[in-house]
Amino acid sequence: MIEIHKVPSPCFVMEEELLRKNLSLIKSVKERAGVNIILAFKAFAMWKSFPIIREYVPYSTASSVFEAQLAYEEMGSLAHTFSPAYTPDNFPVFMRYSSHITFNSLSQYERFYPETLKHRKKVSCGIRINPEYSVVETDLYNPATPDSRLGVPAGHFGNELPEGVEGLHFHTLCESSSYDLEKTLEQVEKKFGHFLPKIKWLNMGGGHLMTREDYNVEHLINLLLSFKAKYPNLEITMEPGSAFVWQTGILVSTVVDIVDNGGIKTAILDVSFACHMPDCLEMPYKPYIRGAYHEPVKGLPTYRMGGSSCLSGDFVGEWSFDEPLLVGDRIIFEDMIHYTTVKTTMFNGISHPAIALWNKYNQLEIYREFGYEDYKNRMS
């Protein structure tokens, strides 16, 4: 358990024992189902922790040249790459750092596939498909709407895949269940099933939240085994992001002021939702705070949490506490490792939280602290 008094504020802190617990489960699913499960950098790219992750999972997925290079340098392996669009300038870099490359459109495939044939090493090519089905309710996170820019709908294909296509890739889930995957696979088979016996691999994308407490892992394994039995030619890959670091760490912050306007008390913090927890505003969702009541309780001191940027909407609320908050109190946001550090900004020049690991020896290991030069060098 993290000893909060030893942690600077603000700071993202991941707990190694909790990380290893998730990784053990993921490795077990991988081995029992006979599939590849790889780390998606778009959700988590804290590369100083990769030596731990590599003990369980050796591969990763990339969506940019920087992520692909990070896979090669810090995971020590070539990336499974997907990008909405490749360019003549960046495609050679992608090829250098990738084992698999998925194309978002038939036009991109036609344009760049010939380049892969000239490359000194074999790169396996695939196309992202859009099953036009998803259980994701928030449009911002739903890649499978009929008008989505991501993936090729079934109606755009002829009877045969383009020459050289070795795999298909779909991504329709977001923190979803195995039953959601089951429904998605039904649609994939319905619309693309005639291609499945003809390809080498199928990438089922991310959004498989198998480390969540209520996730039915046994159902997932049986589903995958059944699908593999139906298509024994297929190598199956899954690339969750959140599942790797779900409930593995916190964001430590401090109350710097309390503002009481219009009958609402706001605790102003030394962190920002806009800068450091953007999904809270984008999704939106309300994070849990350690020691607080998640919903207001009548008669108890109640506060909304305010960020330190000048954005008017940089606040989320409300939570109740047993005792009134005071300036200097610590506010600990739970489950703040996935989709946080990868999405942070330096808007307003707000100080970026430190990044740390609470290691298995019960010691705080500071991975990175940020200062003025980090901000200045980003601006020009």
Foldseek 3Di string as FASTA:
>chain_A
DADVVVFDPFEWEFAAVVLVVLLVLVLVLCVLLVAAEAAEVLWFDLLVCLVVNLVRHLAAADAALVVLVSSCPRSVAAHAYEYLADDPVCPVSNLVRHQEYEYFDPVRCVVCVVVQVVDPDHHQYAYEAALLDAPDPQPVPAQRHPPHSGHHYLVVDDLDDPPRHAEYEYEGAALDALVRVVVVVVSCCVRPVSCLLVHQEYEDEERYQCQDPPHDSVSNSVSSNVVCVVRVNYHYYYHYHCNSRFQRIKTKWFFADWDADPNAIEGEILAWCVAFVVCCVVVNDQFDKPQWAQADDPPFDKHWYAYDDPPPPRIGDIIGHNHDDDGGDMIMTTGRRTSGPSRGDCVVPRFDHWYWYCYPVRDIGTPDGDDDVVVVVVVD
